Amino acid sequence: MLKAQKTSNVHAGKVSMSKAEGFRKRLQARGLSPEVVDFSVGAFEEFEDYLEKRGKSLESLNVNDLKRYVSLLIKEKRNSEERLDALARGLAFAKKNDEFIYLLGTYGAYNVLPDIGARLAIIAGEKARLRVFEKLGLPAMGSPQDMFPPLTARIMKRMEAELSPEMCRQILTWNYHGIPAEAFKEAKKRFEKASSIDEYLKGEHKILVNVMKDCVKQGGIWYEQQITPSVVDFVKANQEITTGIRNGEWIYVTKIPYAPVQFLAEKDSVKKRYYACHCQLARTAIRDGKPRISPNFCYCSAGFVKVKFDAVFGEPVEVKLLESALKGDMRCRFAIKIPKGKMK
């Protein structure tokens, strides 16, 4: 556990004093408040105590162990986002990458469906929201991903019956992860200094590849993606991945697969699409072949892609959904229209 020990040795799954202090310092370096740091350390201590009582340790931890613990938190109604965040921080620090990625996948998009409902009410009215979301219970935070696609499928079926295609796209194409424009201030500065959009995009791709190379050296992950030398080579060979390539007045962007290591190794087309898909609310429907979810739901992903370009260009941009794993494609691909007056 993350308590200070009298010895610096790892024993019975407990981390050493130096490792506990390292975790605390990592959180402090990220600028987290003392309250959040203390809570995170304490929550992870509880988790390690749980493992120790079952003859397990961080070293022997696997995804199934984590599933059982999260199920216990749900049963005890202690599955708050704050606690799950604390567990995720501890798993990342301990370099338990598979477990970290699994945990984020259970709650990272938890608020998206309610937020879609709130935006639907703004655009189409409260009565329309009630007709779409009536009697739809949301699984508990931390529930396995496969509990969400049936709900997503019902919401999309009702939305498309209630609203026009244009209105559905307008509602879904939004920044549902709440990424602030400030997150892209350095990218905006680089765009303003670049002599052309092509030069800017090429530079962004070089930065991305270098960041991924550093991830490999550190044995860590990039957002929710496990990065290996093969993944770096895959991204390096195609500037369109994450960064984008301009063709005329459009910038074409392909999302990096959600699970790039598995995606590159997989031969089965269905599993490959499953590994490509990022959406925690829909991806297991690809793997399982059911339920059918309207591929228009992927405009939510289009909204995520356009956020950076909104910030870089300083105004909302038009985005088109070209391909998606949910539609049956092997990649998720989008087109961003360069606003008038921003071409250079």
Protein backbone atom coordinates (compact mmCIF):
# COMPACT_ATOMS: atom_id res chain seq x y z
CA MET A 1 0.00 0.00 0.00
CA LEU A 2 1.04 3.63 -0.26
CA LYS A 3 1.74 4.08 3.46
CA ALA A 4 5.21 4.94 4.69
CA GLN A 5 7.03 1.74 5.67
CA LYS A 6 9.91 1.28 8.10
CA THR A 7 11.83 -0.52 5.37
CA SER A 8 12.47 0.41 1.78
CA ASN A 9 11.77 -3.11 0.57
CA VAL A 10 8.60 -4.20 -1.21
CA HIS A 11 6.87 -6.85 0.87
CA ALA A 12 3.50 -8.59 0.59
CA GLY A 13 2.37 -6.19 -2.12
CA LYS A 14 3.09 -3.01 -0.17
CA VAL A 15 5.05 -0.30 -1.90
CA SER A 16 8.10 1.20 -0.26
CA MET A 17 8.32 4.56 1.46
CA SER A 18 10.26 5.95 -1.48
CA LYS A 19 7.65 4.74 -3.94
CA ALA A 20 4.82 6.17 -1.86
CA GLU A 21 6.61 9.50 -1.70
CA GLY A 22 7.23 9.30 -5.41
CA PHE A 23 3.51 8.88 -6.04
CA ARG A 24 2.72 11.85 -3.82
CA LYS A 25 5.35 14.00 -5.52
CA ARG A 26 4.05 13.00 -8.95
CA LEU A 27 0.57 14.21 -7.99
CA GLN A 28 1.94 17.42 -6.49
CA ALA A 29 4.00 18.08 -9.63
CA ARG A 30 0.78 17.91 -11.66
CA GLY A 31 -0.54 20.83 -9.64
CA LEU A 32 -3.25 18.90 -7.83
CA SER A 33 -4.55 20.39 -4.61
CA PRO A 34 -3.36 18.96 -1.26
CA GLU A 35 -6.86 17.62 -0.68
CA VAL A 36 -6.90 15.74 -3.98
CA VAL A 37 -3.36 14.43 -3.38
CA ASP A 38 -4.27 13.14 0.09
CA PHE A 39 -7.48 11.55 -1.17
CA SER A 40 -5.71 9.88 -4.10
CA VAL A 41 -2.99 8.42 -1.90
CA GLY A 42 -5.55 7.22 0.64
CA ALA A 43 -7.83 5.68 -1.99
CA PHE A 44 -4.94 3.80 -3.52
CA GLU A 45 -3.88 2.58 -0.06
CA GLU A 46 -7.36 1.10 0.34
CA PHE A 47 -7.04 -0.66 -2.99
CA GLU A 48 -3.68 -2.18 -2.09
CA ASP A 49 -5.04 -3.27 1.28
CA TYR A 50 -7.87 -5.00 -0.59
CA LEU A 51 -5.35 -6.80 -2.80
CA GLU A 52 -3.15 -7.79 0.12
CA LYS A 53 -6.05 -9.39 1.99
CA ARG A 54 -6.65 -11.56 -1.07
CA GLY A 55 -3.05 -12.63 -1.45
CA LYS A 56 -2.45 -10.26 -4.35
CA SER A 57 -0.15 -7.31 -5.00
CA LEU A 58 0.32 -4.60 -7.57
CA GLU A 59 2.87 -6.81 -9.28
CA SER A 60 0.39 -9.70 -9.66
CA LEU A 61 -2.66 -7.49 -10.30
CA ASN A 62 -4.66 -8.19 -13.46
CA VAL A 63 -7.75 -6.67 -15.06
CA ASN A 64 -10.09 -9.23 -13.48
CA ASP A 65 -8.84 -8.26 -10.00
CA LEU A 66 -9.59 -4.64 -10.82
CA LYS A 67 -13.06 -5.53 -12.12
CA ARG A 68 -13.89 -7.25 -8.86
CA TYR A 69 -12.73 -4.28 -6.84
CA VAL A 70 -14.73 -1.78 -8.89
CA SER A 71 -17.79 -4.04 -8.58
CA LEU A 72 -17.32 -3.90 -4.80
CA LEU A 73 -17.11 -0.10 -4.91
CA ILE A 74 -20.35 -0.01 -6.91
CA LYS A 75 -22.05 -2.32 -4.42
CA GLU A 76 -20.89 -0.12 -1.53
CA LYS A 77 -21.87 3.06 -3.46
CA ARG A 78 -18.30 4.35 -3.27
CA ASN A 79 -17.75 4.40 -7.04
CA SER A 80 -17.40 8.16 -7.31
CA GLU A 81 -15.49 9.76 -10.18
CA GLU A 82 -13.10 11.16 -7.58
CA ARG A 83 -12.26 7.67 -6.31
CA LEU A 84 -11.96 6.14 -9.77
CA ASP A 85 -9.69 9.02 -10.79
CA ALA A 86 -7.52 8.27 -7.75
CA LEU A 87 -7.27 4.61 -8.71
CA ALA A 88 -6.39 5.55 -12.29
CA ARG A 89 -3.61 7.86 -11.09
CA GLY A 90 -2.16 5.10 -8.91
CA LEU A 91 -2.29 2.54 -11.71
CA ALA A 92 -0.59 4.96 -14.09
CA PHE A 93 2.14 5.67 -11.55
CA ALA A 94 2.66 1.93 -11.00
CA LYS A 95 2.81 1.45 -14.80
CA LYS A 96 -0.07 -1.03 -14.74
CA ASN A 97 -1.00 0.04 -18.24
CA ASP A 98 -3.60 -2.61 -19.10
CA GLU A 99 -5.46 -1.98 -15.87
CA PHE A 100 -5.21 1.80 -16.24
CA ILE A 101 -6.64 1.69 -19.76
CA TYR A 102 -9.45 -0.66 -18.68
CA LEU A 103 -10.43 1.58 -15.77
CA LEU A 104 -10.54 4.76 -17.86
CA GLY A 105 -12.67 2.89 -20.36
CA THR A 106 -15.33 2.24 -17.72
CA TYR A 107 -16.01 5.83 -16.75
CA GLY A 108 -14.20 8.26 -19.07
CA ALA A 109 -17.34 8.89 -21.14
CA TYR A 110 -19.85 8.35 -18.34
CA ASN A 111 -21.32 11.86 -18.51
CA VAL A 112 -21.58 12.03 -22.31
CA LEU A 113 -25.10 10.61 -22.65
CA PRO A 114 -26.64 12.90 -20.00
CA ASP A 115 -24.78 15.82 -21.58
CA ILE A 116 -26.20 14.89 -24.99
CA GLY A 117 -29.61 15.08 -23.36
CA ALA A 118 -28.87 18.53 -21.97
CA ARG A 119 -27.72 19.81 -25.37
CA LEU A 120 -30.75 18.23 -27.04
CA ALA A 121 -32.98 20.22 -24.70
CA ILE A 122 -31.19 23.46 -25.63
CA ILE A 123 -31.50 22.85 -29.37
CA ALA A 124 -34.81 20.95 -29.68
CA GLY A 125 -36.56 21.73 -26.40
CA GLU A 126 -37.19 19.97 -23.10
CA LYS A 127 -40.18 18.02 -24.42
CA ALA A 128 -38.01 16.48 -27.13
CA ARG A 129 -35.35 15.58 -24.55
CA LEU A 130 -37.95 13.84 -22.39
CA ARG A 131 -39.25 11.84 -25.34
CA VAL A 132 -35.73 10.68 -26.21
CA PHE A 133 -34.44 10.00 -22.70
CA GLU A 134 -37.64 8.89 -20.96
CA LYS A 135 -37.16 5.85 -18.68
CA LEU A 136 -33.54 5.28 -19.66
CA GLY A 137 -31.47 4.29 -16.64
CA LEU A 138 -27.71 4.91 -16.73
CA PRO A 139 -25.49 2.03 -15.52
CA ALA A 140 -23.43 2.76 -12.43
CA MET A 141 -20.16 4.62 -12.91
CA GLY A 142 -17.39 2.05 -13.35
CA SER A 143 -19.67 -0.55 -14.93
CA PRO A 144 -18.16 -2.66 -17.75
CA GLN A 145 -18.30 -1.09 -21.20
CA ASP A 146 -20.69 -3.71 -22.59
CA MET A 147 -23.49 -2.33 -20.38
CA PHE A 148 -23.61 0.95 -22.33
CA PRO A 149 -24.21 0.10 -26.04
CA PRO A 150 -27.85 -1.03 -25.52
CA LEU A 151 -28.58 2.37 -23.97
CA THR A 152 -26.71 4.22 -26.72
CA ALA A 153 -28.63 2.28 -29.38
CA ARG A 154 -32.01 3.18 -27.84
CA ILE A 155 -31.10 6.86 -27.52
CA MET A 156 -29.98 7.07 -31.16
CA LYS A 157 -33.08 5.26 -32.39
CA ARG A 158 -35.30 7.71 -30.53
CA MET A 159 -33.26 10.76 -31.58
CA GLU A 160 -33.40 9.86 -35.26
CA ALA A 161 -37.15 9.24 -35.03
CA GLU A 162 -37.76 12.50 -33.19
CA LEU A 163 -35.35 14.90 -34.94
CA SER A 164 -34.09 15.69 -38.43
CA PRO A 165 -30.69 14.31 -39.53
CA GLU A 166 -29.27 17.85 -39.50
CA MET A 167 -30.44 18.46 -35.94
CA CYS A 168 -29.06 15.10 -34.76
CA ARG A 169 -25.66 15.96 -36.22
CA GLN A 170 -25.79 19.42 -34.66
CA ILE A 171 -26.49 17.93 -31.24
CA LEU A 172 -23.86 15.20 -31.44
CA THR A 173 -21.05 17.30 -32.92
CA TRP A 174 -19.96 18.88 -29.67
CA ASN A 175 -17.11 19.03 -27.17
CA TYR A 176 -18.59 16.51 -24.74
CA HIS A 177 -15.27 15.88 -23.01
CA GLY A 178 -15.09 19.54 -22.01
CA ILE A 179 -11.61 20.16 -23.41
CA PRO A 180 -10.76 23.86 -22.90
CA ALA A 181 -9.42 25.97 -25.76
CA GLU A 182 -6.44 26.78 -23.52
CA ALA A 183 -5.26 23.19 -23.96
CA PHE A 184 -4.28 24.12 -27.53
CA LYS A 185 -2.73 27.54 -26.92
CA GLU A 186 0.76 26.34 -27.87
CA ALA A 187 -0.56 24.70 -31.03
CA LYS A 188 -2.31 27.97 -31.91
CA LYS A 189 0.97 29.87 -31.45
CA ARG A 190 2.75 27.41 -33.73
CA PHE A 191 0.01 27.83 -36.35
CA GLU A 192 0.33 31.61 -36.23
CA LYS A 193 4.11 31.41 -36.71
CA ALA A 194 3.96 28.86 -39.53
CA SER A 195 4.27 30.13 -43.11
CA SER A 196 1.54 27.76 -44.30
CA ILE A 197 -1.02 25.27 -43.03
CA ASP A 198 1.05 22.49 -44.61
CA GLU A 199 4.12 23.57 -42.67
CA TYR A 200 2.10 23.76 -39.46
CA LEU A 201 0.63 20.27 -39.88
CA LYS A 202 4.02 18.79 -40.74
CA GLY A 203 5.49 20.36 -37.61
CA GLU A 204 2.65 19.06 -35.43
CA HIS A 205 3.22 15.57 -36.76
CA LYS A 206 6.93 15.74 -35.93
CA ILE A 207 6.09 16.84 -32.38
CA LEU A 208 3.60 13.98 -32.03
CA VAL A 209 6.11 11.36 -33.18
CA ASN A 210 8.73 12.67 -30.76
CA VAL A 211 6.24 12.57 -27.88
CA MET A 212 5.42 8.97 -28.72
CA LYS A 213 9.10 8.06 -28.87
CA ASP A 214 9.47 9.46 -25.35
CA CYS A 215 6.50 7.34 -24.25
CA VAL A 216 8.29 4.24 -25.47
CA LYS A 217 11.42 5.15 -23.54
CA GLN A 218 9.42 5.73 -20.36
CA GLY A 219 7.38 2.56 -20.75
CA GLY A 220 4.19 4.54 -20.37
CA ILE A 221 1.14 5.38 -22.41
CA TRP A 222 -0.09 8.31 -24.48
CA TYR A 223 -3.56 9.26 -23.24
CA GLU A 224 -5.21 5.79 -23.36
CA GLN A 225 -2.92 4.29 -25.98
CA GLN A 226 -0.11 1.84 -25.32
CA ILE A 227 2.81 3.06 -27.42
CA THR A 228 5.45 0.67 -28.80
CA PRO A 229 8.10 1.12 -31.50
CA SER A 230 5.69 -0.45 -34.00
CA VAL A 231 3.01 2.07 -33.10
CA VAL A 232 5.50 4.93 -33.50
CA ASP A 233 6.43 3.63 -36.95
CA PHE A 234 2.74 3.33 -37.84
CA VAL A 235 2.03 6.94 -36.88
CA LYS A 236 5.28 8.26 -38.39
CA ALA A 237 4.38 6.74 -41.75
CA ASN A 238 1.04 8.56 -41.97
CA GLN A 239 0.79 12.25 -41.09
CA GLU A 240 -3.00 12.02 -41.36
CA ILE A 241 -3.12 10.05 -38.08
CA THR A 242 -4.12 12.47 -35.32
CA THR A 243 -2.35 15.44 -36.99
CA GLY A 244 -3.89 15.80 -40.45
CA ILE A 245 -3.03 16.40 -44.10
CA ARG A 246 -4.43 19.30 -46.14
CA ASN A 247 -6.01 18.73 -49.54
CA GLY A 248 -7.46 21.90 -50.99
CA GLU A 249 -9.64 23.62 -48.39
CA TRP A 250 -10.00 20.51 -46.25
CA ILE A 251 -7.77 18.88 -43.63
CA TYR A 252 -8.16 15.10 -43.40
CA VAL A 253 -7.62 13.49 -40.01
CA THR A 254 -7.58 9.82 -39.05
CA LYS A 255 -7.82 8.89 -35.38
CA ILE A 256 -5.13 6.65 -33.97
CA PRO A 257 -6.70 3.26 -33.09
CA TYR A 258 -7.93 3.05 -29.50
CA ALA A 259 -5.81 -0.07 -28.97
CA PRO A 260 -3.04 0.42 -31.55
CA VAL A 261 -0.86 -2.53 -30.51
CA GLN A 262 -3.74 -4.98 -30.84
CA PHE A 263 -5.02 -3.23 -33.98
CA LEU A 264 -1.72 -3.67 -35.79
CA ALA A 265 -1.45 -7.35 -34.84
CA GLU A 266 -5.08 -8.30 -35.55
CA LYS A 267 -6.12 -10.00 -38.80
CA ASP A 268 -9.84 -10.46 -38.13
CA SER A 269 -11.74 -7.48 -39.58
CA VAL A 270 -14.37 -7.31 -36.82
CA LYS A 271 -11.81 -7.37 -34.02
CA LYS A 272 -9.69 -4.86 -35.91
CA ARG A 273 -12.64 -2.45 -36.05
CA TYR A 274 -13.23 -3.02 -32.34
CA TYR A 275 -9.62 -2.11 -31.59
CA ALA A 276 -9.92 0.97 -33.81
CA CYS A 277 -13.01 2.38 -32.07
CA HIS A 278 -12.50 4.86 -29.21
CA CYS A 279 -16.11 5.18 -28.09
CA GLN A 280 -16.67 3.61 -24.70
CA LEU A 281 -20.41 3.87 -25.25
CA ALA A 282 -20.46 1.84 -28.47
CA ARG A 283 -17.28 -0.14 -29.14
CA THR A 284 -18.31 -3.49 -27.63
CA ALA A 285 -21.28 -3.51 -30.03
CA ILE A 286 -18.73 -3.88 -32.83
CA ARG A 287 -17.05 -6.80 -31.07
CA ASP A 288 -20.32 -8.53 -30.17
CA GLY A 289 -22.23 -7.77 -33.36
CA LYS A 290 -25.09 -6.25 -31.36
CA PRO A 291 -26.91 -4.06 -30.66
CA ARG A 292 -26.98 -2.06 -33.86
CA ILE A 293 -26.03 1.53 -33.15
CA SER A 294 -26.60 4.20 -35.77
CA PRO A 295 -23.20 5.22 -37.18
CA ASN A 296 -24.40 8.82 -36.92
CA PHE A 297 -23.45 8.52 -33.25
CA CYS A 298 -19.86 8.93 -34.50
CA TYR A 299 -20.55 12.64 -35.02
CA CYS A 300 -19.81 12.80 -31.30
CA SER A 301 -16.26 11.73 -32.20
CA ALA A 302 -16.26 14.33 -34.98
CA GLY A 303 -16.97 16.92 -32.30
CA PHE A 304 -13.92 15.73 -30.38
CA VAL A 305 -11.69 15.97 -33.46
CA LYS A 306 -12.81 19.49 -34.35
CA VAL A 307 -12.10 20.98 -30.90
CA LYS A 308 -8.39 21.49 -31.60
CA PHE A 309 -9.06 23.10 -34.98
CA ASP A 310 -11.71 25.39 -33.46
CA ALA A 311 -9.01 26.62 -31.07
CA VAL A 312 -6.22 26.84 -33.63
CA PHE A 313 -8.30 28.74 -36.20
CA GLY A 314 -10.02 30.83 -33.54
CA GLU A 315 -13.54 30.01 -34.73
CA PRO A 316 -15.86 26.99 -35.10
CA VAL A 317 -14.99 24.81 -38.07
CA GLU A 318 -17.11 22.56 -40.24
CA VAL A 319 -16.42 18.84 -39.82
CA LYS A 320 -17.52 15.87 -41.89
CA LEU A 321 -17.63 12.23 -40.81
CA LEU A 322 -16.05 10.20 -43.62
CA GLU A 323 -15.37 6.76 -42.17
CA SER A 324 -15.84 5.06 -38.82
CA ALA A 325 -15.42 1.63 -37.26
CA LEU A 326 -19.09 1.68 -36.27
CA LYS A 327 -20.01 2.16 -39.96
CA GLY A 328 -17.92 -0.87 -40.92
CA ASP A 329 -14.69 0.89 -41.85
CA MET A 330 -11.22 -0.02 -40.62
CA ARG A 331 -10.52 3.50 -39.43
CA CYS A 332 -12.25 6.62 -38.12
CA ARG A 333 -11.63 9.50 -40.52
CA PHE A 334 -12.84 13.08 -40.64
CA ALA A 335 -12.55 16.17 -42.81
CA ILE A 336 -12.11 19.65 -41.33
CA LYS A 337 -12.91 22.63 -43.56
CA ILE A 338 -10.43 25.49 -43.33
CA PRO A 339 -12.39 28.69 -42.50
CA LYS A 340 -12.41 31.57 -44.95
CA GLY A 341 -9.47 33.86 -44.44
CA LYS A 342 -7.42 31.23 -42.57
CA MET A 343 -5.73 29.65 -45.59
CA LYS A 344 -2.04 30.43 -45.86
